[in-house]
Amino acid sequence: MITSGLIQALLWGLAYGCIYILLATGLNIIFGVMKLVNFAHGQLLMIGAYIAFTVTTALGLNSYVAILVAMGAVALIGVGLERFTFRRVLGTDKLNEIFVSLGLIYVFENVAVLLWGNTTRQIPSPLQGMQLSLGGVSIRYDLLFAILIVVVILVALFLLLKKTKIGLAMRATSQKSTASMLMGVNIEKVYVFTFALGAALAGASGALYGIIFNFSPTIGALPTIKAFAIIIIGGLGSIPGAIIGGLLYGIAENTAVYFLGGVWQDAIAFALLIIVLLIRPTGIFGEKGE
């Protein structure tokens, strides 16, 4: 029997899933085009949350407008990261990429502590405390807005990848980078744009996270691991896979909390990863090898 409590858990799962979708999609785009492993991707989520918090509280900007500011600012940070860190090690041993990204985790977290302190924060929302009641179920307007914003961002991303020259260049590079270079594609520019785009999505996910949940400088680590798990569930390089994987992950976590308690939240989600890999090792939308 579906109870109001279960419906509430599903709605929270949808909210978590939307945040996971943006984070995993950005990570998937970077990995798909650049074949780059970045374990510091979740720290971009954290920075996006703090930037949105700062412009909302210090400048009085609407928190939902602040999402755009966070996306732009984190995209610029992404350009700097690609040019001055990852470009130096891209194409070398994967361990170099991993250790650079692991080092960046500590750099970002300590910078965040210096700038904003260790205090838990939440971005003030103009919709704070407002709820929509439907049949005994109360839904926060912030949750509904978060879902709507993620849908809009994903539609814009789809149009970018399918209808623009840079999107075509990104898709070509993700398939055959050498052939794309021979056809006149500027690989370096594609890489910069790709990393900036993935960072912008992480910034948007961080701003939404900060509107819905409390956050601190250490929030980025676990979402990064979950984002990697999601793209493995959905299939490496597959944006539809990241969307489906993110929704499954968010709903699995929160239904586990409802039925089994909070201690099962992460365990059930990673159990889902194991089950999917046992049934389909390439992920839901992953292509089987030759």
Protein backbone atom coordinates (compact mmCIF):
# COMPACT_ATOMS: atom_id res chain seq x y z
CA MET A 1 0.00 0.00 0.00
CA ILE A 2 1.32 3.41 -1.00
CA THR A 3 1.25 5.73 2.01
CA SER A 4 1.77 9.48 2.20
CA GLY A 5 5.11 8.78 3.92
CA LEU A 6 6.28 6.67 0.99
CA ILE A 7 5.16 9.32 -1.49
CA GLN A 8 7.11 11.88 0.53
CA ALA A 9 10.19 9.63 0.41
CA LEU A 10 9.82 9.26 -3.36
CA LEU A 11 9.60 13.02 -3.79
CA TRP A 12 12.75 13.55 -1.72
CA GLY A 13 14.36 10.81 -3.78
CA LEU A 14 13.42 12.71 -6.91
CA ALA A 15 15.02 15.87 -5.48
CA TYR A 16 18.22 14.02 -4.60
CA GLY A 17 18.11 12.33 -8.00
CA CYS A 18 17.93 15.67 -9.83
CA ILE A 19 21.05 16.89 -8.06
CA TYR A 20 22.81 13.62 -8.81
CA ILE A 21 21.74 13.88 -12.47
CA LEU A 22 23.40 17.27 -12.96
CA LEU A 23 26.57 16.21 -11.17
CA ALA A 24 26.82 12.86 -12.95
CA THR A 25 25.98 14.34 -16.36
CA GLY A 26 28.77 16.90 -16.05
CA LEU A 27 31.20 14.21 -14.96
CA ASN A 28 30.04 11.93 -17.77
CA ILE A 29 30.52 14.63 -20.40
CA ILE A 30 34.07 15.30 -19.21
CA PHE A 31 34.92 11.61 -19.11
CA GLY A 32 33.19 10.88 -22.43
CA VAL A 33 35.00 13.62 -24.38
CA MET A 34 38.31 13.92 -22.54
CA LYS A 35 38.60 10.41 -21.01
CA LEU A 36 39.57 12.27 -17.83
CA VAL A 37 39.07 10.90 -14.32
CA ASN A 38 38.33 13.77 -11.92
CA PHE A 39 37.61 12.81 -8.31
CA ALA A 40 37.41 16.50 -7.38
CA HIS A 41 34.20 17.00 -9.37
CA GLY A 42 32.10 17.03 -6.19
CA GLN A 43 34.19 19.89 -4.85
CA LEU A 44 32.90 21.97 -7.76
CA LEU A 45 29.40 21.21 -6.44
CA MET A 46 30.52 22.50 -3.04
CA ILE A 47 32.04 25.67 -4.53
CA GLY A 48 28.85 26.27 -6.52
CA ALA A 49 26.81 26.07 -3.32
CA TYR A 50 29.04 28.60 -1.55
CA ILE A 51 29.10 31.00 -4.49
CA ALA A 52 25.29 30.93 -4.70
CA PHE A 53 25.12 31.41 -0.92
CA THR A 54 27.48 34.40 -1.07
CA VAL A 55 25.72 36.29 -3.87
CA THR A 56 22.34 35.59 -2.25
CA THR A 57 23.28 36.75 1.25
CA ALA A 58 25.83 39.48 0.46
CA LEU A 59 24.23 40.97 -2.66
CA GLY A 60 20.59 40.16 -1.97
CA LEU A 61 20.21 38.27 -5.24
CA ASN A 62 17.32 35.86 -5.65
CA SER A 63 18.60 32.36 -4.89
CA TYR A 64 17.31 30.98 -8.19
CA VAL A 65 19.04 33.72 -10.16
CA ALA A 66 22.15 32.90 -8.12
CA ILE A 67 22.16 29.48 -9.80
CA LEU A 68 23.19 31.17 -13.05
CA VAL A 69 25.95 33.08 -11.25
CA ALA A 70 27.21 29.83 -9.69
CA MET A 71 27.20 28.11 -13.08
CA GLY A 72 29.20 30.91 -14.69
CA ALA A 73 31.69 31.22 -11.84
CA VAL A 74 32.30 27.47 -11.55
CA ALA A 75 32.64 27.24 -15.34
CA LEU A 76 35.47 29.81 -15.14
CA ILE A 77 37.08 27.80 -12.36
CA GLY A 78 36.76 24.77 -14.62
CA VAL A 79 38.60 26.58 -17.42
CA GLY A 80 41.45 27.33 -15.02
CA LEU A 81 41.56 23.73 -13.79
CA GLU A 82 41.69 22.34 -17.31
CA ARG A 83 44.37 24.73 -18.53
CA PHE A 84 46.70 24.76 -15.53
CA THR A 85 46.29 21.33 -13.96
CA PHE A 86 44.63 18.58 -15.97
CA ARG A 87 46.03 19.63 -19.35
CA ARG A 88 49.51 18.95 -17.96
CA VAL A 89 48.71 15.32 -17.17
CA LEU A 90 46.01 14.49 -19.72
CA GLY A 91 47.04 11.53 -21.85
CA THR A 92 49.70 10.38 -19.40
CA ASP A 93 49.25 7.63 -16.84
CA LYS A 94 45.75 7.59 -15.31
CA LEU A 95 47.34 7.63 -11.87
CA ASN A 96 48.59 11.15 -12.59
CA GLU A 97 45.03 12.34 -13.26
CA ILE A 98 43.75 10.57 -10.14
CA PHE A 99 46.38 12.03 -7.83
CA VAL A 100 45.97 15.54 -9.25
CA SER A 101 42.22 15.34 -8.64
CA LEU A 102 42.71 13.90 -5.15
CA GLY A 103 45.06 16.78 -4.34
CA LEU A 104 42.48 19.26 -5.61
CA ILE A 105 39.93 17.87 -3.15
CA TYR A 106 42.04 19.04 -0.21
CA VAL A 107 42.88 22.34 -1.89
CA PHE A 108 39.22 23.20 -2.52
CA GLU A 109 38.06 22.10 0.92
CA ASN A 110 40.73 24.11 2.72
CA VAL A 111 40.11 27.19 0.57
CA ALA A 112 36.40 26.89 1.37
CA VAL A 113 37.16 26.72 5.09
CA LEU A 114 39.38 29.82 4.82
CA LEU A 115 36.75 31.79 2.89
CA TRP A 116 33.52 30.64 4.53
CA GLY A 117 34.49 28.75 7.68
CA ASN A 118 33.32 25.34 8.85
CA THR A 119 29.82 26.44 9.79
CA THR A 120 26.94 24.61 8.15
CA ARG A 121 25.08 26.87 5.71
CA GLN A 122 21.89 26.91 3.67
CA ILE A 123 20.98 29.26 0.83
CA PRO A 124 17.94 31.38 1.78
CA SER A 125 15.12 30.80 -0.67
CA PRO A 126 12.18 33.13 -1.41
CA LEU A 127 10.02 30.00 -1.28
CA GLN A 128 11.33 28.85 2.09
CA GLY A 129 8.57 27.31 4.21
CA MET A 130 6.07 27.29 1.35
CA GLN A 131 4.48 23.96 0.52
CA LEU A 132 1.95 22.52 -1.89
CA SER A 133 -0.48 20.12 -0.22
CA LEU A 134 -1.96 17.34 -2.35
CA GLY A 135 -4.03 14.58 -0.79
CA GLY A 136 -2.28 14.65 2.54
CA VAL A 137 1.19 14.96 0.99
CA SER A 138 3.10 18.20 1.44
CA ILE A 139 5.58 19.11 -1.28
CA ARG A 140 8.08 21.92 -0.81
CA TYR A 141 7.95 24.42 -3.65
CA ASP A 142 11.75 24.40 -3.64
CA LEU A 143 11.66 20.71 -4.59
CA LEU A 144 9.28 21.37 -7.47
CA PHE A 145 11.41 24.28 -8.70
CA ALA A 146 14.56 22.16 -8.47
CA ILE A 147 13.00 19.47 -10.65
CA LEU A 148 11.80 22.06 -13.17
CA ILE A 149 15.22 23.74 -13.32
CA VAL A 150 16.98 20.42 -13.90
CA VAL A 151 14.58 19.62 -16.76
CA VAL A 152 15.25 23.02 -18.37
CA ILE A 153 19.03 22.59 -18.03
CA LEU A 154 18.91 19.09 -19.53
CA VAL A 155 16.80 20.28 -22.50
CA ALA A 156 19.26 23.13 -23.10
CA LEU A 157 22.15 20.66 -22.87
CA PHE A 158 20.48 18.34 -25.39
CA LEU A 159 20.00 21.22 -27.84
CA LEU A 160 23.61 22.31 -27.34
CA LEU A 161 24.99 18.86 -28.10
CA LYS A 162 22.67 18.16 -31.03
CA LYS A 163 22.19 21.53 -32.72
CA THR A 164 25.44 23.47 -32.38
CA LYS A 165 28.89 23.22 -33.95
CA ILE A 166 30.63 22.89 -30.61
CA GLY A 167 28.21 20.12 -29.67
CA LEU A 168 29.00 18.28 -32.90
CA ALA A 169 32.72 18.75 -32.24
CA MET A 170 32.31 17.37 -28.71
CA ARG A 171 30.43 14.29 -29.97
CA ALA A 172 33.00 13.70 -32.69
CA THR A 173 35.89 14.08 -30.26
CA SER A 174 34.29 11.66 -27.79
CA GLN A 175 34.19 9.02 -30.54
CA LYS A 176 37.48 9.53 -32.35
CA SER A 177 39.67 12.37 -31.11
CA THR A 178 42.49 11.74 -33.60
CA ALA A 179 40.13 11.61 -36.58
CA SER A 180 38.39 14.77 -35.34
CA MET A 181 41.73 16.56 -35.17
CA LEU A 182 42.52 15.53 -38.73
CA MET A 183 39.14 16.90 -39.82
CA GLY A 184 40.03 20.32 -38.42
CA VAL A 185 38.50 20.18 -34.94
CA ASN A 186 40.48 22.21 -32.41
CA ILE A 187 40.79 19.57 -29.71
CA GLU A 188 42.19 21.94 -27.09
CA LYS A 189 39.23 24.31 -27.41
CA VAL A 190 36.82 21.37 -27.27
CA TYR A 191 38.49 20.15 -24.09
CA VAL A 192 38.32 23.60 -22.45
CA PHE A 193 34.65 24.00 -23.35
CA THR A 194 33.83 20.46 -22.25
CA PHE A 195 35.44 20.89 -18.85
CA ALA A 196 33.79 24.29 -18.38
CA LEU A 197 30.40 22.81 -19.31
CA GLY A 198 30.82 19.89 -16.91
CA ALA A 199 31.91 22.32 -14.18
CA ALA A 200 28.89 24.56 -14.84
CA LEU A 201 26.56 21.60 -14.36
CA ALA A 202 28.33 20.81 -11.08
CA GLY A 203 27.89 24.45 -10.06
CA ALA A 204 24.16 24.28 -10.80
CA SER A 205 23.83 21.06 -8.80
CA GLY A 206 25.65 22.71 -5.89
CA ALA A 207 23.39 25.77 -5.92
CA LEU A 208 20.28 23.56 -5.94
CA TYR A 209 21.77 21.41 -3.20
CA GLY A 210 22.36 24.50 -1.08
CA ILE A 211 18.78 25.70 -1.53
CA ILE A 212 17.29 22.36 -0.47
CA PHE A 213 19.84 21.02 2.03
CA ASN A 214 22.43 22.23 4.53
CA PHE A 215 26.03 22.11 3.31
CA SER A 216 29.60 22.49 4.51
CA PRO A 217 33.09 22.37 2.90
CA THR A 218 33.16 18.57 3.12
CA ILE A 219 29.96 17.83 1.16
CA GLY A 220 31.69 17.09 -2.14
CA ALA A 221 33.41 13.76 -1.51
CA LEU A 222 30.47 11.35 -1.25
CA PRO A 223 28.48 12.90 -4.14
CA THR A 224 31.55 12.40 -6.36
CA ILE A 225 31.67 8.69 -5.56
CA LYS A 226 27.94 8.43 -6.16
CA ALA A 227 28.26 10.32 -9.45
CA PHE A 228 30.85 7.78 -10.64
CA ALA A 229 28.53 4.98 -9.52
CA ILE A 230 25.64 6.57 -11.44
CA ILE A 231 27.55 6.84 -14.70
CA ILE A 232 28.63 3.23 -14.31
CA ILE A 233 25.00 2.21 -13.74
CA GLY A 234 23.81 4.23 -16.73
CA GLY A 235 26.75 3.46 -19.01
CA LEU A 236 29.97 5.41 -19.51
CA GLY A 237 29.47 8.35 -21.87
CA SER A 238 25.66 8.04 -21.92
CA ILE A 239 23.71 11.13 -20.86
CA PRO A 240 20.35 9.25 -20.83
CA GLY A 241 22.12 6.69 -18.67
CA ALA A 242 23.20 9.41 -16.23
CA ILE A 243 19.60 10.67 -16.04
CA ILE A 244 18.10 7.23 -15.41
CA GLY A 245 20.94 6.28 -13.06
CA GLY A 246 20.57 9.50 -11.06
CA LEU A 247 16.82 9.01 -10.62
CA LEU A 248 17.27 5.36 -9.62
CA TYR A 249 19.97 6.30 -7.16
CA GLY A 250 18.03 9.10 -5.50
CA ILE A 251 14.83 7.07 -5.22
CA ALA A 252 16.66 3.95 -3.98
CA GLU A 253 18.38 5.95 -1.24
CA ASN A 254 15.27 7.60 0.09
CA THR A 255 12.98 4.57 -0.07
CA ALA A 256 15.69 2.68 1.84
CA VAL A 257 15.58 5.39 4.51
CA TYR A 258 11.78 5.09 4.67
CA PHE A 259 11.67 1.31 4.99
CA LEU A 260 14.95 0.48 6.74
CA GLY A 261 16.26 3.64 8.37
CA GLY A 262 18.94 6.20 7.57
CA VAL A 263 21.89 3.85 8.09
CA TRP A 264 20.85 1.95 4.94
CA GLN A 265 20.81 4.99 2.66
CA ASP A 266 24.24 4.53 1.09
CA ALA A 267 24.30 0.73 1.40
CA ILE A 268 21.14 0.23 -0.66
CA ALA A 269 22.28 2.67 -3.31
CA PHE A 270 25.59 0.87 -3.78
CA ALA A 271 23.78 -2.48 -3.72
CA LEU A 272 21.85 -1.17 -6.72
CA LEU A 273 25.16 -0.54 -8.47
CA ILE A 274 26.30 -4.12 -7.81
CA ILE A 275 23.01 -5.59 -9.07
CA VAL A 276 23.08 -3.58 -12.30
CA LEU A 277 26.70 -4.53 -12.97
CA LEU A 278 25.98 -8.22 -12.35
CA ILE A 279 23.06 -8.14 -14.80
CA ARG A 280 24.60 -5.75 -17.35
CA PRO A 281 28.31 -5.01 -16.80
CA THR A 282 28.31 -2.20 -19.39
CA GLY A 283 25.52 -0.34 -17.59
CA ILE A 284 21.94 0.27 -18.66
CA PHE A 285 22.78 2.27 -21.80
CA GLY A 286 26.40 1.19 -22.22
CA GLU A 287 27.50 -0.39 -25.46
CA LYS A 288 28.78 -3.93 -25.39
CA GLY A 289 32.32 -4.47 -26.56
CA GLU A 290 33.15 -6.17 -29.81
